[in-house]
Protein backbone atom coordinates (compact mmCIF):
# COMPACT_ATOMS: atom_id res chain seq x y z
CA MET A 1 -43.74 10.96 -6.40
CA ASN A 2 -44.56 14.17 -4.38
CA ARG A 3 -47.47 12.64 -2.41
CA LEU A 4 -44.96 10.02 -1.17
CA ILE A 5 -42.22 11.91 -0.53
CA ARG A 6 -44.94 13.70 1.68
CA ILE A 7 -45.45 10.76 3.37
CA LEU A 8 -42.24 9.69 4.01
CA ARG A 9 -41.18 13.32 5.96
CA ALA A 10 -44.69 13.38 7.95
CA LEU A 11 -43.05 9.65 9.05
CA GLY A 12 -39.25 11.32 10.14
CA CYS A 13 -37.83 10.39 7.02
CA GLU A 14 -35.55 13.19 5.54
CA GLY A 15 -35.83 12.10 1.56
CA LEU A 16 -36.85 8.63 -0.81
CA ALA A 17 -32.83 8.19 -0.83
CA ASN A 18 -28.87 9.63 0.19
CA PHE A 19 -27.32 8.74 -3.04
CA GLY A 20 -24.30 11.51 -1.72
CA ILE A 21 -23.59 9.36 1.00
CA GLY A 22 -20.92 6.85 0.42
CA SER A 23 -22.83 4.34 2.58
CA PRO A 24 -23.72 0.41 1.95
CA ARG A 25 -26.90 -0.67 2.57
CA GLN A 26 -25.76 -4.40 2.93
CA LEU A 27 -25.61 -7.01 5.97
CA PRO A 28 -21.87 -7.50 6.59
CA PRO A 29 -20.50 -11.31 6.27
CA ILE A 30 -23.10 -13.18 8.44
CA LEU A 31 -20.37 -14.74 10.43
CA ALA A 32 -18.63 -11.12 11.45
CA VAL A 33 -21.99 -10.49 13.07
CA LEU A 34 -22.69 -13.25 14.70
CA ARG A 35 -19.10 -12.86 15.98
CA PHE A 36 -19.92 -9.49 17.75
CA GLN A 37 -23.35 -10.91 18.91
CA ILE A 38 -21.01 -13.03 21.09
CA ALA A 39 -18.51 -10.83 21.85
CA SER A 40 -21.15 -8.58 22.96
CA LEU A 41 -22.47 -10.67 25.76
CA ASN A 42 -19.16 -10.64 26.84
CA PRO A 43 -19.35 -8.00 29.91
CA TRP A 44 -15.74 -7.93 30.48
CA GLY A 45 -15.62 -7.01 26.76
CA HIS A 46 -16.56 -3.16 25.95
CA GLY A 47 -13.92 -1.55 27.56
CA TYR A 48 -10.55 -0.79 24.95
CA ALA A 49 -8.57 -3.15 22.86
CA LYS A 50 -4.95 -1.98 22.81
CA LYS A 51 -4.07 1.05 21.11
CA GLN A 52 -2.46 -0.58 18.25
CA GLY A 53 -5.08 -3.06 17.74
CA ARG A 54 -6.14 -6.60 18.59
CA ILE A 55 -3.03 -8.90 17.87
CA LYS A 56 -5.32 -11.65 16.82
CA THR A 57 -6.96 -8.97 14.24
CA ARG A 58 -3.75 -7.70 13.02
CA LYS A 59 -2.69 -10.73 12.13
CA ALA A 60 -5.82 -11.52 10.26
CA LEU A 61 -4.92 -8.79 8.06
CA ALA A 62 -1.58 -9.37 7.05
CA ALA A 63 -3.13 -12.61 6.38
CA ASN A 64 -5.74 -11.56 4.22
CA CYS A 65 -2.73 -9.42 1.80
CA ARG A 66 -1.31 -12.65 1.83
CA ARG A 67 -3.94 -14.30 0.39
CA THR A 68 -5.58 -11.06 -1.72
CA LEU A 69 -1.88 -9.48 -3.37
CA GLY A 70 0.46 -12.30 -2.55
CA VAL A 71 2.48 -10.00 0.64
CA VAL A 72 4.13 -10.54 3.39
CA ILE A 73 3.12 -8.11 5.82
CA ASN A 74 4.04 -8.60 9.43
CA PRO A 75 1.76 -7.66 12.34
CA GLY A 76 3.78 -5.29 13.56
CA GLN A 77 3.36 -3.12 10.26
CA VAL A 78 -0.52 -2.82 10.82
CA LEU A 79 -2.11 0.14 12.99
CA LEU A 80 -5.63 -0.52 13.32
CA LEU A 81 -7.73 3.07 13.49
CA GLU A 82 -10.87 4.09 14.35
CA GLY A 83 -12.31 4.57 11.39
CA SER A 84 -10.06 5.47 8.46
CA LYS A 85 -10.40 9.94 8.06
CA PRO A 86 -8.18 11.01 10.16
CA SER A 87 -5.19 8.51 8.35
CA ILE A 88 -3.79 11.32 6.61
CA ARG A 89 -3.23 13.67 9.36
CA TYR A 90 -1.55 10.88 11.89
CA ILE A 91 0.84 10.14 9.14
CA LEU A 92 2.10 13.26 8.46
CA GLN A 93 2.32 14.40 11.58
CA ALA A 94 4.15 11.00 12.62
CA LEU A 95 6.88 12.00 9.32
CA ALA A 96 7.31 15.52 10.73
CA LEU A 97 6.14 16.28 7.16
CA VAL A 98 5.93 20.36 6.43
CA GLY A 99 5.34 21.30 3.17
CA LYS A 100 2.99 20.92 -0.15
CA VAL A 101 1.05 17.64 -0.40
CA VAL A 102 -0.25 16.12 -3.89
CA LEU A 103 -3.66 16.04 -3.82
CA PRO A 104 -5.80 14.26 -7.22
CA MET A 105 -8.39 16.66 -8.71
CA PRO A 106 -11.00 16.30 -8.25
CA PHE A 107 -9.81 15.36 -4.43
CA TYR A 108 -11.45 13.35 -1.63
CA PRO A 109 -12.51 16.33 0.86
CA GLY A 110 -11.38 13.71 3.73
CA HIS A 111 -7.96 13.82 2.75
CA LEU A 112 -8.08 17.57 1.96
CA ASP A 113 -8.95 17.89 5.24
CA GLY A 114 -6.08 15.51 6.80
CA VAL A 115 -3.50 17.92 4.94
CA ILE A 116 -4.82 21.17 6.24
CA GLY A 117 -5.29 19.17 9.80
CA ALA A 118 -1.49 18.96 9.43
CA GLY A 119 -0.39 22.42 8.62
CA CYS A 120 0.85 21.35 5.16
CA GLU A 121 -0.40 22.96 1.83
CA PRO A 122 -2.23 21.04 -0.87
CA CYS A 123 -1.47 21.43 -4.26
CA TYR A 124 -3.82 20.07 -7.12
CA LEU A 125 -3.14 17.49 -9.78
CA THR A 126 -6.11 16.80 -12.74
CA MET A 127 -6.24 13.12 -12.86
CA ILE A 128 -8.41 11.99 -15.60
CA SER A 129 -6.69 8.68 -15.84
CA VAL A 130 -3.71 6.79 -13.10
CA GLY A 131 -1.34 7.39 -16.10
CA HIS A 132 -2.41 11.09 -17.35
CA PHE A 133 -1.80 11.63 -13.27
CA ILE A 134 1.47 10.26 -13.17
CA LYS A 135 2.07 12.33 -16.40
CA ASN A 136 1.05 15.05 -14.60
CA LEU A 137 3.33 14.51 -11.58
CA GLU A 138 6.24 13.68 -13.51
CA ALA A 139 6.24 16.89 -15.47
CA ALA A 140 5.82 19.27 -11.98
CA LEU A 141 8.49 17.09 -10.94
CA ALA A 142 10.89 17.69 -13.66
CA GLY A 143 9.98 21.37 -13.43
CA GLY A 144 11.39 21.69 -10.15
CA PHE A 145 8.17 21.12 -7.50
CA ARG A 146 9.29 19.40 -4.80
CA PRO A 147 6.15 17.65 -2.73
CA VAL A 148 6.87 16.00 0.68
CA ALA A 149 4.17 14.02 0.10
CA VAL A 150 1.53 12.37 -2.86
CA VAL A 151 -1.47 11.32 -1.98
CA LEU A 152 -2.89 8.40 -4.33
CA SER A 153 -6.62 7.77 -4.29
CA PHE A 154 -7.86 6.48 -7.57
CA ASP A 155 -10.95 4.71 -5.76
CA ASN A 156 -13.44 8.19 -4.99
CA PRO A 157 -15.14 10.15 -6.05
CA ARG A 158 -14.48 7.79 -9.03
CA TRP A 159 -12.81 4.33 -9.71
CA LEU A 160 -9.42 4.08 -11.89
CA ARG A 161 -8.36 1.49 -13.21
CA ARG A 162 -4.85 0.66 -12.80
CA SER A 163 -1.92 -1.29 -12.84
CA LYS A 164 1.18 -2.95 -10.93
CA GLU A 165 3.00 -0.85 -13.41
CA ASP A 166 1.75 2.36 -12.00
CA TYR A 167 2.29 2.03 -8.61
CA VAL A 168 6.45 0.85 -9.81
CA HIS A 169 6.59 3.75 -11.30
CA LEU A 170 5.50 5.91 -8.40
CA VAL A 171 7.18 4.45 -5.95
CA GLU A 172 10.42 4.92 -8.51
CA LEU A 173 9.61 8.93 -8.65
CA ALA A 174 9.12 9.14 -4.35
CA ARG A 175 12.23 7.50 -4.65
CA GLN A 176 13.76 9.69 -7.00
CA TYR A 177 12.51 12.84 -5.48
CA LYS A 178 12.25 12.25 -1.85
CA PHE A 179 8.59 12.15 -1.08
CA VAL A 180 6.31 10.17 0.49
CA LEU A 181 3.47 8.48 -0.56
CA ILE A 182 0.06 7.28 1.17
CA SER A 183 -1.81 5.24 -0.91
CA ASP A 184 -5.40 5.21 -0.02
CA GLU A 185 -6.80 1.77 -0.93
CA ALA A 186 -10.18 1.62 0.90
CA TYR A 187 -12.18 0.53 -2.27
CA ARG A 188 -9.42 -1.40 -3.29
CA ASP A 189 -11.15 -4.61 -3.72
CA LEU A 190 -14.01 -3.72 -5.41
CA ALA A 191 -12.81 -3.97 -8.84
CA TYR A 192 -15.27 -5.46 -11.01
CA ASP A 193 -12.65 -7.55 -13.24
CA GLY A 194 -11.96 -9.20 -10.11
CA LYS A 195 -7.61 -7.38 -10.63
CA VAL A 196 -6.85 -6.16 -7.33
CA TRP A 197 -3.08 -4.20 -7.26
CA SER A 198 -1.72 -2.30 -4.29
CA VAL A 199 1.54 -0.31 -3.23
CA MET A 200 1.97 -3.17 -1.43
CA GLN A 201 3.27 -4.83 -4.20
CA VAL A 202 6.41 -3.35 -4.91
CA PRO A 203 9.34 -4.67 -3.55
CA GLY A 204 10.48 -1.98 -0.93
CA TRP A 205 7.66 0.03 -0.53
CA GLU A 206 7.94 0.42 2.52
CA ARG A 207 10.62 2.84 2.91
CA LEU A 208 8.74 5.01 0.51
CA ALA A 209 4.80 4.98 1.09
CA VAL A 210 2.24 4.29 4.21
CA CYS A 211 -1.12 2.74 3.29
CA ILE A 212 -3.78 3.01 4.31
CA GLN A 213 -7.21 0.21 4.43
CA THR A 214 -11.24 0.26 5.69
CA ALA A 215 -13.29 -2.21 6.56
CA SER A 216 -16.33 0.50 5.67
CA LYS A 217 -16.73 -0.98 1.47
CA PRO A 218 -15.17 -4.13 1.33
CA PHE A 219 -17.33 -5.90 4.21
CA CYS A 220 -19.95 -3.21 4.35
CA MET A 221 -19.22 -2.14 7.94
CA ALA A 222 -19.28 1.56 7.57
CA GLY A 223 -20.34 2.15 10.62
CA TRP A 224 -18.50 -0.16 12.59
CA LYS A 225 -15.48 2.57 11.93
CA LEU A 226 -12.61 0.28 11.53
CA GLY A 227 -9.85 1.11 9.40
CA ALA A 228 -6.07 0.70 9.56
CA ILE A 229 -2.78 1.48 8.48
CA ILE A 230 0.22 -0.25 7.01
CA ALA A 231 3.70 1.22 7.72
CA ARG A 232 7.22 -0.27 8.36
CA SER A 233 7.37 -1.39 12.07
CA GLU A 234 9.34 2.07 12.77
CA LEU A 235 7.10 4.43 12.46
CA LEU A 236 3.91 2.54 14.01
CA PRO A 237 5.14 3.93 17.98
CA LYS A 238 4.98 7.52 16.41
CA LEU A 239 1.46 7.11 15.13
CA LEU A 240 0.02 5.26 17.89
CA VAL A 241 1.44 8.57 19.55
CA PHE A 242 -0.86 11.00 17.64
CA LYS A 243 -3.92 8.49 17.38
CA GLY A 244 -3.60 8.06 20.79
CA ARG A 245 -4.56 12.07 20.98
CA ASP A 246 -7.94 11.29 19.27
CA SER A 247 -9.00 7.75 20.33
CA GLU A 248 -8.34 4.96 22.86
CA GLY A 249 -8.05 0.94 21.46
CA GLY A 250 -10.96 1.37 19.78
CA SER A 251 -13.76 -1.89 20.07
CA PRO A 252 -12.46 -5.15 21.06
CA ALA A 253 -15.67 -6.54 19.87
CA ALA A 254 -16.09 -4.66 16.04
CA GLN A 255 -12.07 -5.92 15.81
CA LYS A 256 -13.02 -9.30 16.74
CA ALA A 257 -15.82 -8.85 14.15
CA TYR A 258 -13.25 -7.42 11.64
CA ARG A 259 -10.76 -10.30 12.57
CA ILE A 260 -13.61 -13.27 11.19
CA ALA A 261 -14.47 -10.80 8.02
CA LEU A 262 -10.92 -10.38 7.15
CA TRP A 263 -11.09 -14.12 5.96
CA CYS A 264 -14.23 -14.09 3.73
CA ASP A 265 -12.41 -13.24 0.50
CA TRP A 266 -15.33 -13.93 -1.04
CA TYR A 267 -17.37 -11.01 0.12
CA PRO A 268 -15.96 -8.37 -1.42
CA ARG A 269 -16.06 -10.01 -5.17
CA ASN A 270 -20.06 -10.20 -4.22
CA VAL A 271 -19.83 -6.71 -3.44
CA ALA A 272 -18.27 -5.76 -6.39
CA GLN A 273 -20.21 -7.52 -8.52
CA MET A 274 -23.55 -6.09 -7.29
CA TYR A 275 -22.50 -2.50 -7.65
CA SER A 276 -21.30 -3.17 -11.49
CA ARG A 277 -24.66 -4.70 -12.19
CA ARG A 278 -26.09 -1.30 -10.71
CA ALA A 279 -23.59 0.91 -11.98
CA LYS A 280 -24.97 -0.34 -15.56
CA TYR A 281 -28.56 0.32 -14.21
CA ALA A 282 -27.66 3.68 -12.79
CA VAL A 283 -25.42 4.66 -15.92
CA GLU A 284 -28.11 3.31 -18.31
CA ARG A 285 -31.39 5.43 -16.40
CA LEU A 286 -29.04 8.55 -15.70
CA ARG A 287 -28.17 9.02 -19.74
CA ALA A 288 -31.71 8.43 -20.71
CA ALA A 289 -32.90 11.27 -17.64
CA GLY A 290 -30.56 14.13 -20.01
CA VAL A 291 -27.01 13.00 -18.49
CA SER A 292 -24.32 13.24 -21.26
CA GLU A 293 -21.21 13.37 -20.22
CA ILE A 294 -21.13 9.93 -17.72
CA ASP A 295 -18.74 6.55 -18.25
CA LEU A 296 -19.63 3.29 -16.43
CA PRO A 297 -17.27 2.73 -14.18
CA VAL A 298 -14.69 -0.20 -13.60
CA GLY A 299 -15.00 -0.49 -9.83
CA GLY A 300 -15.99 1.07 -7.00
CA MET A 301 -19.80 2.17 -5.38
CA PHE A 302 -19.76 5.69 -7.07
CA VAL A 303 -20.62 7.02 -10.73
CA TYR A 304 -19.24 10.40 -10.92
CA PHE A 305 -20.36 12.61 -13.75
CA ARG A 306 -20.20 16.23 -15.04
CA LEU A 307 -23.45 18.24 -16.04
CA ASN A 308 -24.37 20.40 -19.55
CA GLY A 309 -23.69 24.07 -18.23
CA ILE A 310 -25.68 23.45 -14.73
CA ASP A 311 -24.10 24.81 -11.46
CA SER A 312 -23.62 20.83 -9.12
CA ALA A 313 -24.70 22.83 -6.15
CA THR A 314 -28.36 24.41 -7.60
CA PHE A 315 -28.89 20.72 -9.25
CA ALA A 316 -28.25 19.26 -5.72
CA ALA A 317 -30.61 21.22 -4.51
CA ALA A 318 -33.41 20.84 -6.68
CA LEU A 319 -32.95 16.80 -6.75
CA GLN A 320 -33.45 17.52 -2.65
CA GLU A 321 -36.62 19.04 -3.20
CA LEU A 322 -37.36 15.88 -4.46
CA GLY A 323 -36.63 13.97 -1.82
CA PHE A 324 -33.15 12.43 -3.06
CA GLU A 325 -29.63 13.62 -1.86
CA VAL A 326 -26.35 13.57 -4.19
CA SER A 327 -22.92 14.56 -3.42
CA PRO A 328 -22.01 18.29 -5.54
CA GLY A 329 -19.30 17.99 -6.67
CA GLU A 330 -17.81 21.64 -5.49
CA ARG A 331 -16.74 19.58 -2.20
CA PHE A 332 -14.10 17.86 -4.78
CA GLY A 333 -13.17 20.57 -6.66
CA GLU A 334 -15.25 20.12 -9.25
CA PRO A 335 -18.33 22.79 -9.06
CA ASP A 336 -19.91 21.59 -12.60
CA CYS A 337 -19.93 17.26 -11.27
CA ILE A 338 -21.93 15.41 -9.60
CA ARG A 339 -21.06 12.34 -7.27
CA TRP A 340 -23.76 9.83 -6.92
CA CYS A 341 -23.29 6.48 -5.24
CA LEU A 342 -24.29 3.08 -5.82
CA ASN A 343 -25.77 2.05 -2.27
CA GLN A 344 -29.45 1.97 -3.55
CA GLY A 345 -31.72 -0.54 -5.82
CA ASN A 346 -33.21 -0.57 -9.06
CA TRP A 347 -36.23 0.68 -7.67
CA VAL A 348 -35.34 4.06 -5.76
CA THR A 349 -32.47 4.89 -8.68
CA ARG A 350 -35.34 4.64 -10.94
CA LEU A 351 -37.63 7.23 -9.20
CA ALA A 352 -34.31 9.28 -8.66
CA THR A 353 -33.22 9.23 -12.52
CA LEU A 354 -37.04 10.62 -12.96
CA ALA A 355 -36.46 12.84 -10.30
CA VAL A 356 -33.59 13.97 -12.60
CA THR A 357 -34.95 14.80 -15.51
CA GLN A 358 -37.23 16.97 -13.82
CA VAL A 359 -34.27 19.06 -12.48
CA PHE A 360 -33.06 19.02 -16.19
CA LEU A 361 -36.41 20.06 -17.59
CA THR A 362 -36.66 22.84 -14.61
CA CYS A 363 -33.13 24.51 -15.39
CA ARG A 364 -33.76 24.29 -18.90
CA VAL A 365 -36.85 26.07 -18.80
CA GLU A 366 -35.12 28.88 -16.15
CA LYS A 367 -31.90 29.35 -18.40
CA ALA A 368 -33.92 29.64 -21.62
CA ALA A 369 -36.37 32.51 -19.78
CA GLY A 370 -33.82 34.19 -17.82
CA PRO A 371 -33.03 36.68 -20.89
CA ARG A 372 -36.23 37.10 -22.09
CA ALA A 373 -37.10 37.97 -18.65
CA ASN A 374 -34.45 40.74 -18.14
CA ALA A 375 -35.15 42.08 -21.32
């Protein structure tokens, strides 16, 4: 394996595979790719779209929500983005929210950046499950804690099972304690069992919540930089002010392709099944490699597991020396965990887990030798 790594690095590659970044490695819906190519041939089609996004694409997103979630969305409630990462900051700034914002622990680094960028104070609540997070939130609110917003991130770094009742409960808490729910649903459609739930299915959600979506994960279009904010219509002009400071209207060709992808309802289901198969194989191999605290995910494109007394940064650095990248848990607020992306096939996963076995063996030998060396 080391010889193969040296050959790849000599050819300019950093290593065999990157399991750390959530970057899909599949072809997007072929009709969307063809639509992009056709749009790229238009010499007048390489400027910027309207700042809110192309109306036909916004209509397609609204229609997709109606078909997949059974909810009616007005295209005037949709704002298309050049990537969804800045959306937390846009929402907090547009609502003029200043104060404490709740992030689930483990948290997504992009959410933390958005909260800090908006001048708010991040607060953390542990989240073993969605029900556990809701109980922690209820207890904090009953004890006098008053956040201005709560970020719901049930899919990254790990995908947690949830139900419509969970969202109903959260919306009721938002109404009672007067805070805003920001629901990041980038991976919503990647449930392995096909049961998809959203905060938008709760009646009256617009008054209390904002929903974030992306084309990156369900349609494997990460490099296309396409996201969306769905909110009440009155909020859109304020969001446009802050969005307009960072970017123009985005690529018309990419938005035309996204419009076609949004009609391919079958595609996210197929992607979810692929990740399901990869998750089973990866968990089986990682358990054989010595990872004991690992559970089979029920959706999404990540496996999140706890290390046995090894610092995640040390583990990631050792694995990188063998040619494989992973995300250390310290980025998500848990320094003893690892986020493992399912963007690689079984052959590369098998090689990576062999490297994990070698890293565990090295760490255990060093740990055992430590006391004797000090003596």
